[in-house]
Amino acid sequence: MKRNKEPLGPAAKRAKESNKIAPKLWKREEVLVLLDVYESALLQLINRTIETEDDLWITVSENLYDQGIDASAVRCQSKWNLLQKTYLANPGIKGAFFVKVKQILDTAASVEERTVESLEEEMKEEIRAEEAENTCKVERLEDEIVAEEIVMEFPHTEEHTTNSLTTERVAELLAGESEAGLRPLIERLCGKIDTLTEMQHRQEARLREVYQMQRTNEDHLLKIKKHLNIA
């Protein structure tokens, strides 16, 4: 369903202003408020509460507007870029503005690192869960194979007669509805055996093709060597 486009707020409208507009003359208190608001919005962006960087600056402008500071998203971003550029060029610079800039950059880096670690841990958990599930599947398959071997084991000597199922008993189980569900189990195992056998036949056919190609190539090489009189 197509969402109705919400009307642009004051900040969104101001974001469309031309870049040729003269820079805003920021007061000291306004810059400090800008940095506080930007830090909060940046954390929202990292945590994906805010989706894009454009949305971030519109949010900053809106929040400033609510506090009586009229500055477009473009002007807010321009001021932050200037402060950040100045700080990065002069890491030892002092002043309330640049202490705050350093705090924002350090906090953002720390949060991003924790976010990456959290995502990595989630991926590890998913991998461990998948491995555990695969292990259970393998164990169940092994149990089925063992059960199939027990059912299909027939006595070859009198020594094994007491520990093995007789042919008559196997036929009896297959003919009736066994409470243990041996018939469905055997049918599933037979199906698996048929599938494995078919796969083996296909592999053997491919190997025969490879061997045939090798022999053909050897014949060609021998003809070439003979033509070139190579021993």
Protein backbone atom coordinates (compact mmCIF):
# COMPACT_ATOMS: atom_id res chain seq x y z
CA MET A 1 0.00 0.00 0.00
CA LYS A 2 1.38 3.38 -0.96
CA ARG A 3 1.89 5.64 2.02
CA ASN A 4 0.58 9.17 1.91
CA LYS A 5 3.42 11.64 1.79
CA GLU A 6 3.51 13.71 4.97
CA PRO A 7 3.66 17.49 4.58
CA LEU A 8 7.07 19.02 5.00
CA GLY A 9 7.77 20.54 8.40
CA PRO A 10 9.57 23.86 8.90
CA ALA A 11 12.99 22.22 8.95
CA ALA A 12 12.30 20.15 5.83
CA LYS A 13 11.18 23.28 4.02
CA ARG A 14 14.27 25.14 5.14
CA ALA A 15 16.41 22.20 3.98
CA LYS A 16 15.41 23.09 0.42
CA GLU A 17 16.95 26.54 0.73
CA SER A 18 19.65 27.41 -1.76
CA ASN A 19 23.24 26.80 -0.74
CA LYS A 20 24.01 30.36 -1.87
CA ILE A 21 22.24 31.78 1.21
CA ALA A 22 24.69 33.61 3.46
CA PRO A 23 26.00 31.48 6.36
CA LYS A 24 24.11 31.76 9.62
CA LEU A 25 25.85 33.73 12.33
CA TRP A 26 25.80 31.29 15.21
CA LYS A 27 25.80 32.44 18.82
CA ARG A 28 27.94 30.55 21.33
CA GLU A 29 24.91 29.14 23.14
CA GLU A 30 23.35 28.09 19.84
CA VAL A 31 26.47 26.14 18.86
CA LEU A 32 26.46 24.27 22.17
CA VAL A 33 22.78 23.41 21.71
CA LEU A 34 23.51 22.31 18.13
CA LEU A 35 26.22 19.94 19.36
CA ASP A 36 23.94 18.44 22.03
CA VAL A 37 21.11 17.93 19.56
CA TYR A 38 23.45 16.53 16.90
CA GLU A 39 24.96 14.03 19.34
CA SER A 40 21.51 12.72 20.23
CA ALA A 41 20.46 12.48 16.57
CA LEU A 42 23.73 10.78 15.61
CA LEU A 43 23.14 8.02 18.15
CA GLN A 44 19.65 7.57 16.72
CA LEU A 45 21.18 7.23 13.25
CA ILE A 46 23.66 4.62 14.48
CA ASN A 47 20.85 2.71 16.20
CA ARG A 48 18.77 3.04 13.00
CA THR A 49 16.00 5.03 14.67
CA ILE A 50 16.80 7.66 12.05
CA GLU A 51 17.22 6.11 8.60
CA THR A 52 19.42 8.48 6.57
CA GLU A 53 21.89 11.31 7.10
CA ASP A 54 19.48 13.72 5.41
CA ASP A 55 16.83 12.73 7.96
CA LEU A 56 19.38 13.29 10.70
CA TRP A 57 19.99 16.91 9.75
CA ILE A 58 16.29 17.58 9.28
CA THR A 59 15.75 16.19 12.78
CA VAL A 60 18.50 18.43 14.16
CA SER A 61 16.97 21.48 12.48
CA GLU A 62 13.50 20.60 13.79
CA ASN A 63 14.78 20.18 17.35
CA LEU A 64 16.64 23.48 17.19
CA TYR A 65 13.51 25.17 15.87
CA ASP A 66 11.57 23.82 18.86
CA GLN A 67 14.15 25.54 21.08
CA GLY A 68 13.84 28.85 19.29
CA ILE A 69 16.88 28.49 17.03
CA ASP A 70 16.09 29.01 13.35
CA ALA A 71 18.67 27.10 11.29
CA SER A 72 18.08 24.99 8.19
CA ALA A 73 19.37 21.43 7.88
CA VAL A 74 21.96 22.65 5.37
CA ARG A 75 23.27 25.29 7.78
CA CYS A 76 23.37 22.84 10.69
CA GLN A 77 25.39 20.36 8.66
CA SER A 78 27.72 23.09 7.40
CA LYS A 79 28.43 24.27 10.94
CA TRP A 80 29.15 20.75 12.18
CA ASN A 81 31.44 20.02 9.24
CA LEU A 82 33.40 23.20 9.97
CA LEU A 83 33.78 22.35 13.67
CA GLN A 84 34.80 18.76 12.92
CA LYS A 85 37.28 19.80 10.23
CA THR A 86 38.86 22.36 12.55
CA TYR A 87 39.15 19.84 15.39
CA LEU A 88 40.63 17.07 13.21
CA ALA A 89 43.20 19.51 11.83
CA ASN A 90 44.11 20.61 15.37
CA PRO A 91 43.52 17.66 17.75
CA GLY A 92 45.01 19.54 20.71
CA ILE A 93 42.78 22.58 20.30
CA LYS A 94 41.02 23.73 23.48
CA GLY A 95 37.59 25.23 23.99
CA ALA A 96 34.09 24.10 24.92
CA PHE A 97 33.11 23.55 21.29
CA PHE A 98 35.98 21.21 20.50
CA VAL A 99 35.76 19.31 23.79
CA LYS A 100 32.18 18.55 22.79
CA VAL A 101 33.22 17.63 19.23
CA LYS A 102 35.78 15.16 20.62
CA GLN A 103 33.15 13.70 22.94
CA ILE A 104 30.73 13.21 20.04
CA LEU A 105 33.33 11.52 17.84
CA ASP A 106 34.52 9.24 20.67
CA THR A 107 30.97 8.30 21.67
CA ALA A 108 29.96 7.57 18.08
CA ALA A 109 33.04 5.38 17.55
CA SER A 110 32.35 3.47 20.78
CA VAL A 111 28.67 2.91 19.95
CA GLU A 112 29.51 1.78 16.40
CA GLU A 113 32.08 -0.67 17.79
CA ARG A 114 29.55 -2.12 20.23
CA THR A 115 26.99 -2.34 17.44
CA VAL A 116 29.43 -4.27 15.24
CA GLU A 117 30.30 -6.59 18.13
CA SER A 118 26.60 -7.15 18.81
CA LEU A 119 25.95 -8.02 15.16
CA GLU A 120 28.93 -10.38 15.12
CA GLU A 121 27.65 -12.11 18.27
CA GLU A 122 24.19 -12.47 16.70
CA MET A 123 25.76 -14.08 13.63
CA LYS A 124 27.77 -16.45 15.84
CA GLU A 125 24.62 -17.42 17.73
CA GLU A 126 22.82 -18.13 14.46
CA ILE A 127 25.74 -20.25 13.25
CA ARG A 128 25.87 -22.17 16.56
CA ALA A 129 22.11 -22.76 16.43
CA GLU A 130 22.35 -23.99 12.84
CA GLU A 131 25.26 -26.29 13.71
CA ALA A 132 23.31 -27.69 16.68
CA GLU A 133 20.29 -28.31 14.45
CA ASN A 134 22.45 -30.05 11.85
CA THR A 135 24.03 -32.17 14.59
CA CYS A 136 20.58 -33.24 15.79
CA LYS A 137 19.61 -34.14 12.23
CA VAL A 138 22.76 -36.24 11.83
CA GLU A 139 22.13 -37.99 15.15
CA ARG A 140 18.53 -38.74 14.18
CA LEU A 141 19.70 -40.11 10.84
CA GLU A 142 22.28 -42.28 12.59
CA ASP A 143 19.59 -43.58 14.96
CA GLU A 144 17.38 -44.42 11.98
CA ILE A 145 20.23 -46.25 10.28
CA VAL A 146 20.95 -48.23 13.45
CA ALA A 147 17.26 -49.09 13.75
CA GLU A 148 17.21 -50.15 10.12
CA GLU A 149 20.25 -52.36 10.65
CA ILE A 150 18.61 -54.02 13.66
CA VAL A 151 15.39 -54.66 11.77
CA MET A 152 17.13 -56.00 8.68
CA GLU A 153 19.63 -58.16 10.58
CA PHE A 154 18.87 -61.85 9.96
CA PRO A 155 20.40 -64.77 11.85
CA HIS A 156 23.31 -66.46 10.09
CA THR A 157 24.23 -68.74 12.94
CA GLU A 158 22.51 -70.17 15.96
CA GLU A 159 24.69 -67.90 18.11
CA HIS A 160 22.88 -64.77 16.84
CA THR A 161 19.40 -66.25 16.81
CA THR A 162 18.43 -64.95 20.23
CA ASN A 163 19.66 -61.40 19.53
CA SER A 164 18.32 -61.03 15.99
CA LEU A 165 14.89 -60.66 14.45
CA THR A 166 13.77 -63.71 12.46
CA THR A 167 12.64 -63.46 8.87
CA GLU A 168 9.14 -64.41 9.93
CA ARG A 169 9.10 -61.66 12.56
CA VAL A 170 10.26 -59.02 10.06
CA ALA A 171 7.56 -60.11 7.60
CA GLU A 172 5.05 -60.03 10.42
CA LEU A 173 6.01 -56.46 11.35
CA LEU A 174 5.90 -55.30 7.75
CA ALA A 175 2.50 -56.91 7.18
CA GLY A 176 0.84 -55.37 10.23
CA GLU A 177 0.53 -51.93 11.73
CA SER A 178 3.42 -51.89 14.15
CA GLU A 179 3.03 -49.60 17.13
CA ALA A 180 6.69 -48.65 16.81
CA GLY A 181 6.09 -47.43 13.27
CA LEU A 182 8.70 -49.69 11.69
CA ARG A 183 7.05 -49.73 8.28
CA PRO A 184 7.24 -45.93 7.74
CA LEU A 185 10.78 -45.96 9.12
CA ILE A 186 11.92 -48.68 6.75
CA GLU A 187 10.20 -47.00 3.83
CA ARG A 188 11.97 -43.71 4.60
CA LEU A 189 15.32 -45.42 4.93
CA CYS A 190 14.78 -47.34 1.70
CA GLY A 191 13.99 -44.05 0.00
CA LYS A 192 17.20 -42.56 1.34
CA ILE A 193 19.18 -45.58 0.20
CA ASP A 194 17.64 -45.31 -3.27
CA THR A 195 18.56 -41.63 -3.41
CA LEU A 196 22.15 -42.31 -2.35
CA THR A 197 22.40 -45.14 -4.86
CA GLU A 198 21.15 -42.89 -7.64
CA MET A 199 23.66 -40.21 -6.67
CA GLN A 200 26.44 -42.80 -6.68
CA HIS A 201 25.42 -43.98 -10.16
CA ARG A 202 25.49 -40.40 -11.44
CA GLN A 203 28.95 -39.89 -9.97
CA GLU A 204 30.18 -43.10 -11.55
CA ALA A 205 28.78 -41.99 -14.90
CA ARG A 206 30.57 -38.64 -14.60
CA LEU A 207 33.81 -40.40 -13.71
CA ARG A 208 33.47 -42.60 -16.78
CA GLU A 209 33.01 -39.48 -18.89
CA VAL A 210 36.13 -37.92 -17.36
CA TYR A 211 38.17 -41.07 -17.97
CA GLN A 212 36.94 -41.20 -21.56
CA MET A 213 37.95 -37.57 -22.09
CA GLN A 214 41.39 -38.30 -20.61
CA ARG A 215 41.87 -41.25 -22.94
CA THR A 216 40.77 -39.16 -25.91
CA ASN A 217 43.19 -36.38 -24.94
CA GLU A 218 46.00 -38.89 -24.55
CA ASP A 219 45.28 -40.24 -28.04
CA HIS A 220 45.40 -36.71 -29.45
CA LEU A 221 48.69 -36.01 -27.68
CA LEU A 222 50.21 -39.21 -29.00
CA LYS A 223 49.17 -38.30 -32.54
CA ILE A 224 50.65 -34.81 -32.15
CA LYS A 225 53.90 -36.19 -30.74
CA LYS A 226 54.08 -38.72 -33.56
CA HIS A 227 53.47 -35.99 -36.12
CA LEU A 228 56.22 -33.84 -34.58
CA ASN A 229 58.56 -36.82 -34.22
CA ILE A 230 58.75 -36.35 -30.46
CA ALA A 231 59.91 -39.41 -28.58
